[in-house]
């Protein structure tokens, strides 16, 4: 009887852990994910630039949304349209917490410690950014998420606003088809109107604007490392 009860107890724990890791866009729950959504106006001209956040173990979104302010469970600028779910195997912070050759109770204890480490890393970054001034060009939502990833030692660390933006652009999963429309439809409308009324002049100014903005982040990240806060 004891072994059966213990098996059922372990099964319930495993099932609850699986459920907590399930993504639920309707409730805006993205456990252990990086999430992204387009920005008003700016994303209408440059659709690969948007607002980004990172999620706790329970799926609650954290995002740096203003001076001395980190949103909790209230993602600024609308629901996420893209996400990337991370795994603990990708984070070196968990490497020393595995317990493969010990009793089940010890494994469960280590699993709980892993959860604490994940949320603790995000909590430390949240505390730090609650005392930071927000600036789109020098200290923004990407800085906050990069700081979290470096604390988690995700893929050995070294994250910044540039490689983080590239990661979500090429590896991000769309939440649904509506999310794709939310991201690209405004850009297509603005681009079509600009091309119709402005022609090559519009394209020239758009190219200059994109070059200046992207160039700022590349130069500020790789040439003047203290210019963009992490």
Protein backbone atom coordinates (compact mmCIF):
# COMPACT_ATOMS: atom_id res chain seq x y z
CA UNK A 1 0.00 0.00 0.00
CA UNK A 2 2.77 2.36 0.95
CA UNK A 3 4.55 1.96 -2.38
CA UNK A 4 1.31 2.52 -4.31
CA UNK A 5 0.54 5.70 -2.37
CA UNK A 6 4.09 6.94 -2.89
CA UNK A 7 3.84 6.19 -6.64
CA UNK A 8 0.52 8.05 -6.92
CA UNK A 9 1.98 10.97 -4.95
CA UNK A 10 5.00 11.17 -7.26
CA UNK A 11 2.73 10.90 -10.31
CA UNK A 12 0.62 13.83 -9.10
CA UNK A 13 3.77 15.92 -8.57
CA UNK A 14 5.09 15.08 -12.05
CA UNK A 15 1.71 15.88 -13.65
CA UNK A 16 1.50 19.22 -11.82
CA UNK A 17 5.03 20.12 -12.96
CA UNK A 18 4.09 19.34 -16.58
CA UNK A 19 0.96 21.49 -16.29
CA UNK A 20 2.91 24.45 -14.90
CA UNK A 21 5.23 24.28 -17.93
CA UNK A 22 2.37 24.36 -20.43
CA UNK A 23 1.96 27.58 -22.42
CA UNK A 24 -1.49 29.16 -22.19
CA UNK A 25 -1.78 32.28 -24.41
CA UNK A 26 -5.41 32.88 -23.36
CA UNK A 27 -4.25 33.46 -19.77
CA UNK A 28 -0.93 35.05 -20.87
CA UNK A 29 1.03 32.28 -19.19
CA UNK A 30 4.38 31.44 -20.78
CA UNK A 31 6.46 29.46 -18.27
CA UNK A 32 10.23 30.03 -18.57
CA UNK A 33 9.77 31.96 -21.83
CA UNK A 34 11.03 35.09 -23.48
CA UNK A 35 8.01 36.92 -24.90
CA UNK A 36 7.75 39.68 -27.51
CA UNK A 37 5.08 42.05 -28.80
CA UNK A 38 5.15 44.91 -31.35
CA UNK A 39 5.42 48.53 -30.21
CA UNK A 40 2.92 51.19 -31.30
CA UNK A 41 4.21 53.40 -34.14
CA UNK A 42 7.83 52.21 -34.01
CA UNK A 43 6.98 48.66 -35.09
CA UNK A 44 4.78 50.09 -37.87
CA UNK A 45 7.99 51.26 -39.55
CA UNK A 46 10.43 48.58 -38.27
CA UNK A 47 8.46 45.38 -37.59
CA UNK A 48 11.39 43.46 -36.07
CA UNK A 49 11.70 45.98 -33.22
CA UNK A 50 9.30 45.49 -30.30
CA UNK A 51 8.79 45.13 -26.56
CA UNK A 52 10.21 42.10 -24.77
CA UNK A 53 9.79 40.39 -21.40
CA UNK A 54 10.72 37.21 -19.55
CA UNK A 55 8.50 34.84 -17.59
CA UNK A 56 8.72 33.21 -14.20
CA UNK A 57 8.35 29.49 -13.58
CA UNK A 58 4.57 29.90 -13.21
CA UNK A 59 4.30 31.74 -16.54
CA UNK A 60 3.82 35.26 -15.16
CA UNK A 61 5.45 37.88 -17.41
CA UNK A 62 8.00 40.38 -16.09
CA UNK A 63 8.96 43.36 -18.27
CA UNK A 64 10.85 46.60 -17.76
CA UNK A 65 8.27 49.15 -18.90
CA UNK A 66 9.30 52.50 -17.47
CA UNK A 67 11.57 54.39 -15.06
CA UNK A 68 12.06 52.35 -11.87
CA UNK A 69 9.19 50.10 -12.90
CA UNK A 70 9.06 46.39 -13.78
CA UNK A 71 5.57 45.17 -14.73
CA UNK A 72 4.39 41.93 -13.16
CA UNK A 73 1.63 40.00 -14.96
CA UNK A 74 0.65 43.05 -17.02
CA UNK A 75 2.67 42.94 -20.22
CA UNK A 76 2.97 46.45 -21.58
CA UNK A 77 1.77 47.14 -25.16
CA UNK A 78 -0.54 44.14 -25.40
CA UNK A 79 -0.47 40.36 -25.36
CA UNK A 80 2.67 38.53 -26.56
CA UNK A 81 2.82 37.64 -30.23
CA UNK A 82 6.08 35.63 -30.19
CA UNK A 83 7.81 33.51 -27.57
CA UNK A 84 10.79 31.25 -26.96
CA UNK A 85 10.59 28.68 -24.17
CA UNK A 86 13.90 28.08 -22.41
CA UNK A 87 15.01 24.87 -20.72
CA UNK A 88 17.06 24.40 -17.59
CA UNK A 89 19.53 22.30 -19.58
CA UNK A 90 20.45 25.52 -21.42
CA UNK A 91 21.19 27.40 -18.19
CA UNK A 92 24.46 26.75 -16.37
CA UNK A 93 22.98 27.99 -13.11
CA UNK A 94 21.28 24.59 -12.77
CA UNK A 95 24.27 22.38 -13.63
CA UNK A 96 25.26 21.76 -10.02
CA UNK A 97 21.73 21.09 -8.80
CA UNK A 98 21.01 17.78 -10.58
CA UNK A 99 20.73 14.66 -8.47
CA UNK A 100 20.63 11.53 -10.59
CA UNK A 101 21.73 8.84 -8.13
CA UNK A 102 19.77 9.75 -4.99
CA UNK A 103 16.34 9.00 -3.55
CA UNK A 104 13.15 10.37 -5.13
CA UNK A 105 12.49 12.73 -2.23
CA UNK A 106 15.92 14.27 -2.71
CA UNK A 107 15.22 14.68 -6.43
CA UNK A 108 11.97 16.45 -5.63
CA UNK A 109 13.83 18.72 -3.21
CA UNK A 110 16.41 19.54 -5.87
CA UNK A 111 13.60 20.26 -8.37
CA UNK A 112 12.06 22.73 -5.93
CA UNK A 113 15.48 24.34 -5.49
CA UNK A 114 15.73 24.67 -9.29
CA UNK A 115 12.40 26.52 -9.35
CA UNK A 116 13.65 28.84 -6.62
CA UNK A 117 16.87 29.50 -8.53
CA UNK A 118 15.01 30.42 -11.72
CA UNK A 119 12.62 32.81 -10.03
CA UNK A 120 15.36 34.09 -7.72
CA UNK A 121 17.50 35.12 -10.71
CA UNK A 122 14.56 37.01 -12.21
CA UNK A 123 13.76 38.56 -8.84
CA UNK A 124 17.31 39.90 -8.50
CA UNK A 125 17.14 41.50 -11.95
CA UNK A 126 13.72 42.94 -11.09
CA UNK A 127 15.10 44.52 -7.92
CA UNK A 128 18.01 45.99 -9.88
CA UNK A 129 15.83 47.49 -12.61
CA UNK A 130 13.36 48.93 -10.15
CA UNK A 131 16.13 51.44 -9.47
CA UNK A 132 17.01 52.14 -13.11
CA UNK A 133 15.85 54.96 -15.33
CA UNK A 134 14.20 53.81 -18.55
CA UNK A 135 15.62 55.02 -21.84
CA UNK A 136 14.74 53.51 -25.21
CA UNK A 137 18.29 53.97 -26.49
CA UNK A 138 20.40 53.08 -23.45
CA UNK A 139 18.39 51.10 -20.88
CA UNK A 140 15.27 49.38 -22.12
CA UNK A 141 13.25 46.17 -21.93
CA UNK A 142 15.91 44.26 -23.89
CA UNK A 143 18.52 45.30 -21.31
CA UNK A 144 16.36 43.82 -18.55
CA UNK A 145 15.83 40.47 -20.28
CA UNK A 146 19.52 40.25 -21.23
CA UNK A 147 20.38 40.85 -17.56
CA UNK A 148 18.06 37.99 -16.55
CA UNK A 149 19.57 35.61 -19.12
CA UNK A 150 23.07 36.42 -17.95
CA UNK A 151 22.08 35.71 -14.33
CA UNK A 152 20.62 32.38 -15.47
CA UNK A 153 23.79 31.78 -17.51
CA UNK A 154 21.61 30.86 -20.47
CA UNK A 155 23.78 29.37 -23.23
CA UNK A 156 26.89 30.39 -21.21
CA UNK A 157 25.77 34.05 -20.96
CA UNK A 158 27.10 37.04 -22.88
CA UNK A 159 23.64 38.35 -23.80
CA UNK A 160 23.00 41.91 -24.91
CA UNK A 161 20.27 43.88 -26.69
CA UNK A 162 21.56 42.96 -30.17
CA UNK A 163 21.94 39.18 -29.95
CA UNK A 164 18.72 39.01 -27.90
CA UNK A 165 16.80 40.79 -30.67
CA UNK A 166 18.33 38.42 -33.23
CA UNK A 167 17.36 35.42 -31.09
CA UNK A 168 13.68 36.37 -30.89
CA UNK A 169 13.61 37.34 -34.59
CA UNK A 170 14.90 34.01 -35.89
CA UNK A 171 13.95 31.57 -33.12
CA UNK A 172 10.69 33.06 -31.84
CA UNK A 173 7.48 31.07 -32.26
CA UNK A 174 4.27 32.83 -33.25
CA UNK A 175 1.45 32.51 -30.73
CA UNK A 176 -1.14 32.22 -33.51
CA UNK A 177 -2.10 33.66 -36.91
CA UNK A 178 -3.69 36.72 -35.33
CA UNK A 179 -0.34 37.50 -33.73
CA UNK A 180 1.29 37.51 -37.18
CA UNK A 181 -1.33 39.96 -38.44
CA UNK A 182 -0.90 42.19 -35.38
CA UNK A 183 2.81 42.39 -36.11
CA UNK A 184 2.94 42.84 -39.88
CA UNK A 185 -0.41 44.31 -40.96
CA UNK A 186 0.28 47.85 -39.61
CA UNK A 187 3.73 47.78 -41.24
CA UNK A 188 2.28 46.71 -44.60
CA UNK A 189 -0.34 49.47 -44.44
CA UNK A 190 2.21 52.17 -43.52
CA UNK A 191 4.72 50.89 -46.05
CA UNK A 192 2.12 50.80 -48.84
CA UNK A 193 0.86 54.31 -48.06
CA UNK A 194 4.40 55.65 -47.79
CA UNK A 195 5.38 54.06 -51.07
CA UNK A 196 2.23 55.32 -52.79
CA UNK A 197 2.56 58.93 -51.65
CA UNK A 198 6.30 59.24 -51.02
CA UNK A 199 7.88 56.81 -53.46
CA UNK A 200 11.67 56.71 -53.37
CA UNK A 201 11.80 59.60 -50.90
CA UNK A 202 9.89 57.53 -48.36
CA UNK A 203 12.14 54.50 -48.95
CA UNK A 204 15.26 56.64 -48.57
CA UNK A 205 14.19 58.18 -45.27
CA UNK A 206 13.00 54.80 -43.97
CA UNK A 207 16.35 53.22 -44.82
CA UNK A 208 18.21 56.08 -43.10
CA UNK A 209 16.02 55.78 -40.00
CA UNK A 210 16.54 51.99 -39.77
CA UNK A 211 20.29 52.35 -40.33
CA UNK A 212 20.67 54.98 -37.61
CA UNK A 213 18.61 53.07 -35.05
CA UNK A 214 20.18 49.66 -35.71
CA UNK A 215 23.65 51.21 -35.98
CA UNK A 216 23.23 52.90 -32.60
CA UNK A 217 22.57 49.61 -30.83
CA UNK A 218 25.36 47.76 -32.63
CA UNK A 219 27.94 50.48 -31.93
CA UNK A 220 26.70 51.04 -28.39
CA UNK A 221 26.80 47.32 -27.65
CA UNK A 222 30.07 46.23 -29.24
CA UNK A 223 32.17 49.43 -29.48
CA UNK A 224 31.13 51.33 -26.34
CA UNK A 225 30.09 48.59 -23.94
CA UNK A 226 29.04 50.91 -21.09
CA UNK A 227 26.77 52.97 -23.35
CA UNK A 228 23.88 50.46 -23.22
CA UNK A 229 23.08 49.24 -19.73
CA UNK A 230 22.85 45.54 -19.01
